[in-house]
């Protein structure tokens, strides 16, 4: 096992972990080692956060397993599980904003991304529980989807600047504090994702192309892995999990991460929130099955 620990490090970890010679035990053990040094603020420092939960943002392209990972946090009390607010995007006073941008990206990209930015801001400012796990973040909206829409021509330069300046302003307001404590990037080959999309046959994903997946994947990699963009990290700690392994292996990895994060919450903090009952309404749980996938 020590040999594997030495090999499975640095930038080559993802490619090495795809080696079929590694056992499931070795792969899970590698990720458990990555999780082993995660820490939670002390009770005193946690009080200074003025109710802001320990925040985990889960990033990745469509079909990487973000919703599956979020489900493993649901059994833990006082952990707020926040799938993307797709139900809001598909019903803005009766208007399906997602369908509008699917039908006419150039007409509706600015409106949709402005609303996405607002709803993700609400997610970041939500203060329930001792921890929260978010499917994507306001940062991904800006650095991935806004960038993609601009590069594709769906957002004009003027529209791009409007969204960018709003985002910069929101990040400069001290009371907001849109930083997170941990970023988990679920990494996989776009071709693997395309095969998953075809297998599950969701209507809302029928329009997805390999060009779109490749473009979004490059933006994620440049931002969170290679770090060769000017875009800052949402958090000081980024964990990259390659999701090309068998589903049974991924479930063990996800279960281990959820268990680890709950275990690092100090008992004093858990006790202070023991009466916290999170409102996990059915519409939000249903959102775990949806995606934001337009190109």
Protein backbone atom coordinates (compact mmCIF):
# COMPACT_ATOMS: atom_id res chain seq x y z
CA UNK A 1 0.00 0.00 0.00
CA UNK A 2 2.91 2.36 0.68
CA UNK A 3 4.00 1.95 -2.96
CA UNK A 4 0.56 3.05 -4.15
CA UNK A 5 0.60 6.02 -1.77
CA UNK A 6 3.89 7.16 -3.26
CA UNK A 7 2.75 6.70 -6.84
CA UNK A 8 -0.70 8.21 -6.47
CA UNK A 9 0.33 11.81 -5.94
CA UNK A 10 0.65 15.03 -7.88
CA UNK A 11 -0.71 15.83 -11.33
CA UNK A 12 -0.45 12.25 -12.57
CA UNK A 13 -2.80 10.86 -9.92
CA UNK A 14 -5.91 10.95 -12.10
CA UNK A 15 -4.33 9.07 -15.01
CA UNK A 16 -2.61 6.55 -12.74
CA UNK A 17 -5.86 5.86 -10.92
CA UNK A 18 -7.47 4.82 -14.19
CA UNK A 19 -5.00 1.96 -14.44
CA UNK A 20 -7.07 -1.22 -14.43
CA UNK A 21 -4.36 -2.98 -12.39
CA UNK A 22 -5.32 -1.05 -9.27
CA UNK A 23 -7.84 -2.71 -7.00
CA UNK A 24 -10.94 -1.00 -5.71
CA UNK A 25 -9.40 -1.02 -2.23
CA UNK A 26 -6.30 0.81 -3.51
CA UNK A 27 -8.35 3.46 -5.31
CA UNK A 28 -10.65 4.13 -2.35
CA UNK A 29 -7.65 4.19 0.00
CA UNK A 30 -5.95 6.82 -2.16
CA UNK A 31 -8.88 9.19 -1.87
CA UNK A 32 -9.30 8.52 1.84
CA UNK A 33 -5.71 9.67 2.24
CA UNK A 34 -6.61 12.90 0.44
CA UNK A 35 -9.53 13.40 2.81
CA UNK A 36 -7.53 12.55 5.94
CA UNK A 37 -6.18 16.05 6.59
CA UNK A 38 -9.45 17.94 6.16
CA UNK A 39 -10.12 20.20 9.11
CA UNK A 40 -13.09 22.09 10.52
CA UNK A 41 -12.85 25.49 12.25
CA UNK A 42 -12.51 25.34 16.02
CA UNK A 43 -15.72 26.08 17.98
CA UNK A 44 -14.38 29.54 18.73
CA UNK A 45 -13.53 30.29 15.11
CA UNK A 46 -16.83 28.84 13.97
CA UNK A 47 -18.73 31.34 16.14
CA UNK A 48 -16.81 34.19 14.49
CA UNK A 49 -18.27 33.12 11.12
CA UNK A 50 -21.64 34.53 12.25
CA UNK A 51 -23.61 31.50 11.23
CA UNK A 52 -21.85 30.75 7.96
CA UNK A 53 -21.71 26.95 7.59
CA UNK A 54 -18.62 25.00 6.59
CA UNK A 55 -19.18 25.11 2.83
CA UNK A 56 -18.33 22.52 0.20
CA UNK A 57 -18.91 23.27 -3.49
CA UNK A 58 -19.00 20.31 -5.88
CA UNK A 59 -17.94 21.18 -9.42
CA UNK A 60 -17.82 19.24 -12.69
CA UNK A 61 -19.37 18.89 -16.11
CA UNK A 62 -22.74 17.25 -16.65
CA UNK A 63 -22.83 13.53 -15.89
CA UNK A 64 -19.84 13.38 -13.52
CA UNK A 65 -21.82 12.25 -10.48
CA UNK A 66 -22.40 15.51 -8.58
CA UNK A 67 -25.96 14.64 -7.58
CA UNK A 68 -24.88 11.15 -6.54
CA UNK A 69 -22.21 12.62 -4.26
CA UNK A 70 -24.70 15.05 -2.69
CA UNK A 71 -27.03 12.19 -1.77
CA UNK A 72 -24.39 10.73 0.55
CA UNK A 73 -24.60 13.83 2.75
CA UNK A 74 -28.36 13.62 3.23
CA UNK A 75 -28.32 11.19 6.20
CA UNK A 76 -26.22 13.55 8.31
CA UNK A 77 -28.15 15.96 10.54
CA UNK A 78 -27.32 19.65 10.24
CA UNK A 79 -25.66 19.28 6.83
CA UNK A 80 -27.54 21.37 4.29
CA UNK A 81 -27.63 19.63 0.89
CA UNK A 82 -28.19 22.10 -1.94
CA UNK A 83 -28.65 20.78 -5.46
CA UNK A 84 -28.65 23.40 -8.22
CA UNK A 85 -31.94 25.35 -7.92
CA UNK A 86 -33.22 24.01 -11.24
CA UNK A 87 -36.84 24.25 -10.07
CA UNK A 88 -36.40 28.03 -9.82
CA UNK A 89 -34.82 28.27 -13.27
CA UNK A 90 -37.65 26.29 -14.85
CA UNK A 91 -40.44 28.21 -13.11
CA UNK A 92 -39.86 31.94 -12.78
CA UNK A 93 -43.45 33.02 -12.21
CA UNK A 94 -44.50 30.38 -14.72
CA UNK A 95 -41.65 30.96 -17.20
CA UNK A 96 -39.14 28.19 -17.95
CA UNK A 97 -35.89 30.14 -18.26
CA UNK A 98 -33.92 27.04 -19.18
CA UNK A 99 -36.19 26.29 -22.10
CA UNK A 100 -35.85 29.87 -23.32
CA UNK A 101 -32.07 29.67 -23.45
CA UNK A 102 -32.23 26.24 -25.07
CA UNK A 103 -34.45 27.68 -27.80
CA UNK A 104 -32.64 30.99 -28.33
CA UNK A 105 -29.30 31.35 -26.48
CA UNK A 106 -28.38 34.74 -27.94
CA UNK A 107 -31.71 36.24 -26.89
CA UNK A 108 -31.87 34.80 -23.39
CA UNK A 109 -28.28 34.14 -22.21
CA UNK A 110 -27.95 37.43 -20.31
CA UNK A 111 -31.35 37.07 -18.62
CA UNK A 112 -30.76 33.43 -17.68
CA UNK A 113 -27.22 33.94 -16.37
CA UNK A 114 -28.31 36.99 -14.39
CA UNK A 115 -31.01 34.90 -12.73
CA UNK A 116 -28.61 32.02 -12.15
CA UNK A 117 -26.20 34.42 -10.47
CA UNK A 118 -28.98 35.69 -8.19
CA UNK A 119 -30.19 32.23 -7.20
CA UNK A 120 -26.64 30.97 -6.57
CA UNK A 121 -25.98 34.05 -4.44
CA UNK A 122 -28.98 33.01 -2.34
CA UNK A 123 -27.43 29.54 -1.95
CA UNK A 124 -24.11 31.00 -0.78
CA UNK A 125 -25.81 33.28 1.75
CA UNK A 126 -28.01 30.50 3.16
CA UNK A 127 -27.14 29.86 6.81
CA UNK A 128 -28.67 26.60 7.97
CA UNK A 129 -26.85 23.79 9.70
CA UNK A 130 -23.19 23.41 10.56
CA UNK A 131 -22.18 22.57 6.99
CA UNK A 132 -23.62 22.77 3.51
CA UNK A 133 -22.78 21.00 0.30
CA UNK A 134 -23.60 22.86 -2.90
CA UNK A 135 -23.96 21.46 -6.40
CA UNK A 136 -21.78 23.95 -8.26
CA UNK A 137 -21.29 27.53 -7.06
CA UNK A 138 -21.68 31.14 -8.11
CA UNK A 139 -18.01 30.93 -9.12
CA UNK A 140 -18.66 28.13 -11.61
CA UNK A 141 -21.50 30.15 -13.07
CA UNK A 142 -19.11 33.00 -13.77
CA UNK A 143 -15.91 31.15 -14.68
CA UNK A 144 -17.43 28.23 -16.59
CA UNK A 145 -20.86 28.96 -18.03
CA UNK A 146 -20.57 32.70 -18.60
CA UNK A 147 -17.18 32.12 -20.23
CA UNK A 148 -18.60 29.36 -22.41
CA UNK A 149 -21.57 31.45 -23.51
CA UNK A 150 -19.31 34.37 -24.33
CA UNK A 151 -16.89 32.25 -26.33
CA UNK A 152 -19.76 30.68 -28.27
CA UNK A 153 -21.14 34.10 -29.16
CA UNK A 154 -24.35 33.70 -27.17
CA UNK A 155 -23.24 36.54 -24.88
CA UNK A 156 -22.03 39.75 -26.52
CA UNK A 157 -19.01 41.55 -25.08
CA UNK A 158 -21.24 44.17 -23.49
CA UNK A 159 -23.49 41.54 -21.89
CA UNK A 160 -20.42 39.64 -20.69
CA UNK A 161 -19.06 42.77 -18.99
CA UNK A 162 -22.39 43.41 -17.26
CA UNK A 163 -22.43 39.96 -15.66
CA UNK A 164 -18.71 40.10 -14.86
CA UNK A 165 -19.03 43.47 -13.10
CA UNK A 166 -22.02 42.30 -11.08
CA UNK A 167 -20.07 39.21 -10.03
CA UNK A 168 -17.02 41.28 -9.05
CA UNK A 169 -19.20 43.63 -7.01
CA UNK A 170 -20.86 40.75 -5.14
CA UNK A 171 -17.45 39.32 -4.25
CA UNK A 172 -16.27 42.67 -2.93
CA UNK A 173 -19.10 42.99 -0.37
CA UNK A 174 -17.53 41.77 2.92
CA UNK A 175 -20.89 40.83 4.42
CA UNK A 176 -21.50 38.32 1.65
CA UNK A 177 -18.26 36.28 1.84
CA UNK A 178 -18.82 33.99 -1.14
CA UNK A 179 -15.72 31.91 -0.43
CA UNK A 180 -16.04 28.21 0.36
CA UNK A 181 -14.04 25.90 2.62
CA UNK A 182 -13.55 23.02 0.20
CA UNK A 183 -13.92 22.60 -3.55
CA UNK A 184 -14.49 19.07 -4.84
CA UNK A 185 -13.93 18.73 -8.57
CA UNK A 186 -15.39 15.59 -10.10
CA UNK A 187 -13.20 14.93 -13.12
CA UNK A 188 -13.89 12.57 -16.00
CA UNK A 189 -13.39 12.06 -19.70
CA UNK A 190 -16.07 13.84 -21.79
CA UNK A 191 -16.41 10.69 -23.90
CA UNK A 192 -17.32 8.72 -20.77
CA UNK A 193 -19.87 11.39 -19.92
CA UNK A 194 -21.41 11.22 -23.39
CA UNK A 195 -21.84 7.46 -23.01
CA UNK A 196 -23.57 7.99 -19.66
CA UNK A 197 -25.87 10.62 -21.19
CA UNK A 198 -26.88 8.25 -23.98
CA UNK A 199 -27.57 5.44 -21.51
CA UNK A 200 -29.84 7.44 -19.25
CA UNK A 201 -31.70 9.11 -22.12
CA UNK A 202 -32.87 12.29 -20.39
CA UNK A 203 -34.88 14.61 -22.63
CA UNK A 204 -33.20 17.74 -21.26
CA UNK A 205 -29.78 16.34 -22.22
CA UNK A 206 -30.63 15.33 -25.80
CA UNK A 207 -29.06 18.48 -27.28
CA UNK A 208 -25.64 18.01 -25.62
CA UNK A 209 -22.73 17.65 -28.04
CA UNK A 210 -19.15 16.47 -27.64
CA UNK A 211 -17.96 19.97 -28.56
CA UNK A 212 -19.91 21.39 -25.61
CA UNK A 213 -18.60 18.75 -23.20
CA UNK A 214 -15.01 19.25 -24.35
CA UNK A 215 -15.31 23.02 -24.02
CA UNK A 216 -16.78 22.88 -20.50
CA UNK A 217 -14.24 20.28 -19.43
CA UNK A 218 -11.32 22.43 -20.61
CA UNK A 219 -12.65 25.39 -18.66
CA UNK A 220 -12.90 23.26 -15.50
CA UNK A 221 -9.42 21.81 -15.96
CA UNK A 222 -7.79 25.19 -16.60
CA UNK A 223 -9.50 26.68 -13.57
CA UNK A 224 -9.28 23.91 -10.95
CA UNK A 225 -6.44 21.61 -12.04
CA UNK A 226 -3.88 23.47 -14.14
CA UNK A 227 -4.73 26.83 -12.52
CA UNK A 228 -3.52 28.65 -15.61
CA UNK A 229 -6.31 31.23 -15.70
CA UNK A 230 -6.68 34.52 -13.85
CA UNK A 231 -9.78 33.16 -12.10
CA UNK A 232 -9.31 32.73 -8.32
CA UNK A 233 -10.16 29.56 -6.44
CA UNK A 234 -13.42 29.52 -4.45
CA UNK A 235 -11.54 27.86 -1.58
CA UNK A 236 -7.99 27.29 -0.40
CA UNK A 237 -8.42 23.53 -0.73
CA UNK A 238 -9.34 21.72 -3.94
CA UNK A 239 -9.77 17.94 -4.10
CA UNK A 240 -9.88 16.33 -7.54
CA UNK A 241 -11.77 13.03 -7.79
CA UNK A 242 -11.60 11.11 -11.04
CA UNK A 243 -15.04 9.60 -11.66
CA UNK A 244 -14.13 7.17 -14.44
CA UNK A 245 -14.04 4.28 -11.97
CA UNK A 246 -16.88 1.75 -11.67
CA UNK A 247 -20.02 3.08 -10.02
CA UNK A 248 -19.61 0.77 -7.02
CA UNK A 249 -16.14 2.24 -6.40
CA UNK A 250 -17.38 5.81 -6.73
CA UNK A 251 -20.13 5.18 -4.19
CA UNK A 252 -17.53 4.06 -1.65
CA UNK A 253 -15.42 7.15 -2.32
CA UNK A 254 -18.42 9.47 -1.95
CA UNK A 255 -19.57 7.72 1.23
CA UNK A 256 -16.08 8.08 2.68
CA UNK A 257 -15.93 11.82 1.91
CA UNK A 258 -19.34 12.51 3.46
CA UNK A 259 -18.43 10.50 6.54
CA UNK A 260 -15.12 12.32 6.88
CA UNK A 261 -16.66 15.79 6.70
CA UNK A 262 -19.26 14.91 9.32
CA UNK A 263 -16.54 13.42 11.54
CA UNK A 264 -14.44 16.60 11.59
CA UNK A 265 -17.31 18.74 12.94
CA UNK A 266 -16.48 19.33 16.63
CA UNK A 267 -18.99 17.76 19.01
CA UNK A 268 -19.54 21.14 20.63
CA UNK A 269 -20.64 22.56 17.27
CA UNK A 270 -22.87 19.55 16.60
CA UNK A 271 -24.50 19.96 20.01
CA UNK A 272 -25.16 23.65 19.39
CA UNK A 273 -27.12 22.73 16.27
CA UNK A 274 -28.85 19.61 17.55
CA UNK A 275 -32.26 21.27 17.31
CA UNK A 276 -31.67 22.41 13.73
CA UNK A 277 -34.16 20.73 11.39
CA UNK A 278 -33.28 21.39 7.77
CA UNK A 279 -36.07 22.00 5.30
CA UNK A 280 -35.22 19.51 2.57
CA UNK A 281 -38.33 20.02 0.51
CA UNK A 282 -39.21 17.64 -2.27
CA UNK A 283 -38.60 20.13 -5.09
CA UNK A 284 -34.97 20.62 -4.02
CA UNK A 285 -34.37 16.88 -3.72
CA UNK A 286 -35.88 16.41 -7.16
CA UNK A 287 -33.34 18.92 -8.47
CA UNK A 288 -30.66 16.33 -7.74
CA UNK A 289 -31.75 14.60 -10.92
CA UNK A 290 -31.41 17.65 -13.15
CA UNK A 291 -28.56 19.49 -14.83
CA UNK A 292 -27.69 22.81 -16.37
CA UNK A 293 -26.39 21.73 -19.75
CA UNK A 294 -26.95 24.31 -22.47
CA UNK A 295 -24.23 25.22 -24.99
